[in-house]
Amino acid sequence: MAQDLGDLAPGVEVHPLVCGGEPCIVRTRIPVWVLEQARRQGLNDGEILRCYPSLRAEDLVNAWAYVRRHRSEVEGQINENEAA
């Protein structure tokens, strides 16, 4: 069962069988770390939305809020995936 992070991270959920249990945007299988990595590579919100047409601007607002609250976790996920 998906764990909706509710008020702690609206719009972000964790499900153990989706993306290895990494926090994802609700309704999608897009991990928050993927969006943050794209932003660090220089993509702006409009470009990210064009790359991921299933996302809405509100989803990015929620993702960035999650990153602010869980920076070390997200950085660890980015580092793990870059090393893989």
C-alpha atoms as a PDB file:
ATOM      1  CA  MET A   1       0.000   0.000   0.000  1.00  0.00           C
ATOM      2  CA  ALA A   2       1.258   3.476  -0.862  1.00  0.00           C
ATOM      3  CA  GLN A   3       2.149   5.763   1.972  1.00  0.00           C
ATOM      4  CA  ASP A   4       0.828   9.232   1.206  1.00  0.00           C
ATOM      5  CA  LEU A   5       3.081  11.614   3.063  1.00  0.00           C
ATOM      6  CA  GLY A   6       0.105  13.964   3.498  1.00  0.00           C
ATOM      7  CA  ASP A   7       0.809  17.233   5.230  1.00  0.00           C
ATOM      8  CA  LEU A   8       4.502  16.365   5.592  1.00  0.00           C
ATOM      9  CA  ALA A   9       4.932  16.195   1.821  1.00  0.00           C
ATOM     10  CA  PRO A  10       1.704  16.781  -0.074  1.00  0.00           C
ATOM     11  CA  GLY A  11       1.758  15.298  -3.546  1.00  0.00           C
ATOM     12  CA  VAL A  12       4.567  12.862  -2.720  1.00  0.00           C
ATOM     13  CA  GLU A  13       4.065   9.209  -1.843  1.00  0.00           C
ATOM     14  CA  VAL A  14       6.176   6.185  -1.022  1.00  0.00           C
ATOM     15  CA  HIS A  15       5.222   2.668  -2.085  1.00  0.00           C
ATOM     16  CA  PRO A  16       7.614  -0.219  -1.475  1.00  0.00           C
ATOM     17  CA  LEU A  17       6.851  -1.766  -4.884  1.00  0.00           C
ATOM     18  CA  VAL A  18       7.228   1.458  -6.890  1.00  0.00           C
ATOM     19  CA  CYS A  19      10.695   2.764  -7.775  1.00  0.00           C
ATOM     20  CA  GLY A  20      12.301   0.790  -4.977  1.00  0.00           C
ATOM     21  CA  GLY A  21      10.289   2.631  -2.352  1.00  0.00           C
ATOM     22  CA  GLU A  22      11.744   6.015  -3.265  1.00  0.00           C
ATOM     23  CA  PRO A  23       9.494   9.058  -2.827  1.00  0.00           C
ATOM     24  CA  CYS A  24       7.554   9.673  -6.058  1.00  0.00           C
ATOM     25  CA  ILE A  25       5.082  12.215  -7.321  1.00  0.00           C
ATOM     26  CA  VAL A  26       1.533  10.916  -6.784  1.00  0.00           C
ATOM     27  CA  ARG A  27      -0.158   9.465  -9.898  1.00  0.00           C
ATOM     28  CA  THR A  28       3.274   8.821 -11.431  1.00  0.00           C
ATOM     29  CA  ARG A  29       6.338   6.672 -11.065  1.00  0.00           C
ATOM     30  CA  ILE A  30       8.607   9.701 -11.196  1.00  0.00           C
ATOM     31  CA  PRO A  31      10.975   9.835  -8.214  1.00  0.00           C
ATOM     32  CA  VAL A  32      11.553  13.207  -6.602  1.00  0.00           C
ATOM     33  CA  TRP A  33      15.333  12.755  -6.937  1.00  0.00           C
ATOM     34  CA  VAL A  34      15.009  12.531 -10.748  1.00  0.00           C
ATOM     35  CA  LEU A  35      13.311  15.926 -10.844  1.00  0.00           C
ATOM     36  CA  GLU A  36      15.877  17.468  -8.508  1.00  0.00           C
ATOM     37  CA  GLN A  37      18.701  16.039 -10.611  1.00  0.00           C
ATOM     38  CA  ALA A  38      17.156  17.601 -13.728  1.00  0.00           C
ATOM     39  CA  ARG A  39      16.927  20.944 -11.945  1.00  0.00           C
ATOM     40  CA  ARG A  40      20.585  20.702 -10.875  1.00  0.00           C
ATOM     41  CA  GLN A  41      21.519  20.008 -14.492  1.00  0.00           C
ATOM     42  CA  GLY A  42      20.019  23.358 -15.432  1.00  0.00           C
ATOM     43  CA  LEU A  43      16.473  22.566 -16.529  1.00  0.00           C
ATOM     44  CA  ASN A  44      13.868  25.061 -15.406  1.00  0.00           C
ATOM     45  CA  ASP A  45      10.349  24.113 -14.345  1.00  0.00           C
ATOM     46  CA  GLY A  46       8.907  24.650 -17.826  1.00  0.00           C
ATOM     47  CA  GLU A  47      11.510  22.382 -19.393  1.00  0.00           C
ATOM     48  CA  ILE A  48      10.915  19.693 -16.784  1.00  0.00           C
ATOM     49  CA  LEU A  49       7.161  19.862 -17.404  1.00  0.00           C
ATOM     50  CA  ARG A  50       7.766  19.417 -21.134  1.00  0.00           C
ATOM     51  CA  CYS A  51       9.991  16.386 -20.445  1.00  0.00           C
ATOM     52  CA  TYR A  52       7.349  14.851 -18.171  1.00  0.00           C
ATOM     53  CA  PRO A  53       3.932  15.713 -19.666  1.00  0.00           C
ATOM     54  CA  SER A  54       2.085  13.823 -16.915  1.00  0.00           C
ATOM     55  CA  LEU A  55       3.352  16.354 -14.357  1.00  0.00           C
ATOM     56  CA  ARG A  56       1.624  19.566 -13.368  1.00  0.00           C
ATOM     57  CA  ALA A  57       3.235  22.736 -12.063  1.00  0.00           C
ATOM     58  CA  GLU A  58       1.804  21.904  -8.629  1.00  0.00           C
ATOM     59  CA  ASP A  59       3.721  18.616  -8.693  1.00  0.00           C
ATOM     60  CA  LEU A  60       6.998  20.496  -9.042  1.00  0.00           C
ATOM     61  CA  VAL A  61       6.074  22.835  -6.192  1.00  0.00           C
ATOM     62  CA  ASN A  62       5.480  19.752  -4.043  1.00  0.00           C
ATOM     63  CA  ALA A  63       8.723  18.128  -5.223  1.00  0.00           C
ATOM     64  CA  TRP A  64      10.811  21.214  -4.416  1.00  0.00           C
ATOM     65  CA  ALA A  65       9.183  21.449  -0.976  1.00  0.00           C
ATOM     66  CA  TYR A  66      10.051  17.796  -0.377  1.00  0.00           C
ATOM     67  CA  VAL A  67      13.651  18.408  -1.456  1.00  0.00           C
ATOM     68  CA  ARG A  68      13.949  21.353   0.953  1.00  0.00           C
ATOM     69  CA  ARG A  69      12.736  19.204   3.862  1.00  0.00           C
ATOM     70  CA  HIS A  70      14.696  16.062   2.935  1.00  0.00           C
ATOM     71  CA  ARG A  71      17.816  17.423   1.252  1.00  0.00           C
ATOM     72  CA  SER A  72      20.278  14.820   2.550  1.00  0.00           C
ATOM     73  CA  GLU A  73      17.962  11.932   1.612  1.00  0.00           C
ATOM     74  CA  VAL A  74      17.497  13.261  -1.933  1.00  0.00           C
ATOM     75  CA  GLU A  75      21.223  13.930  -2.338  1.00  0.00           C
ATOM     76  CA  GLY A  76      21.917  10.363  -1.243  1.00  0.00           C
ATOM     77  CA  GLN A  77      19.480   9.017  -3.837  1.00  0.00           C
ATOM     78  CA  ILE A  78      21.083  11.113  -6.570  1.00  0.00           C
ATOM     79  CA  ASN A  79      24.562   9.934  -5.553  1.00  0.00           C
ATOM     80  CA  GLU A  80      23.483   6.277  -5.423  1.00  0.00           C
ATOM     81  CA  ASN A  81      21.995   6.438  -8.900  1.00  0.00           C
ATOM     82  CA  GLU A  82      24.974   8.277 -10.374  1.00  0.00           C
ATOM     83  CA  ALA A  83      27.287   5.595  -8.956  1.00  0.00           C
ATOM     84  CA  ALA A  84      25.173   2.742 -10.367  1.00  0.00           C
END
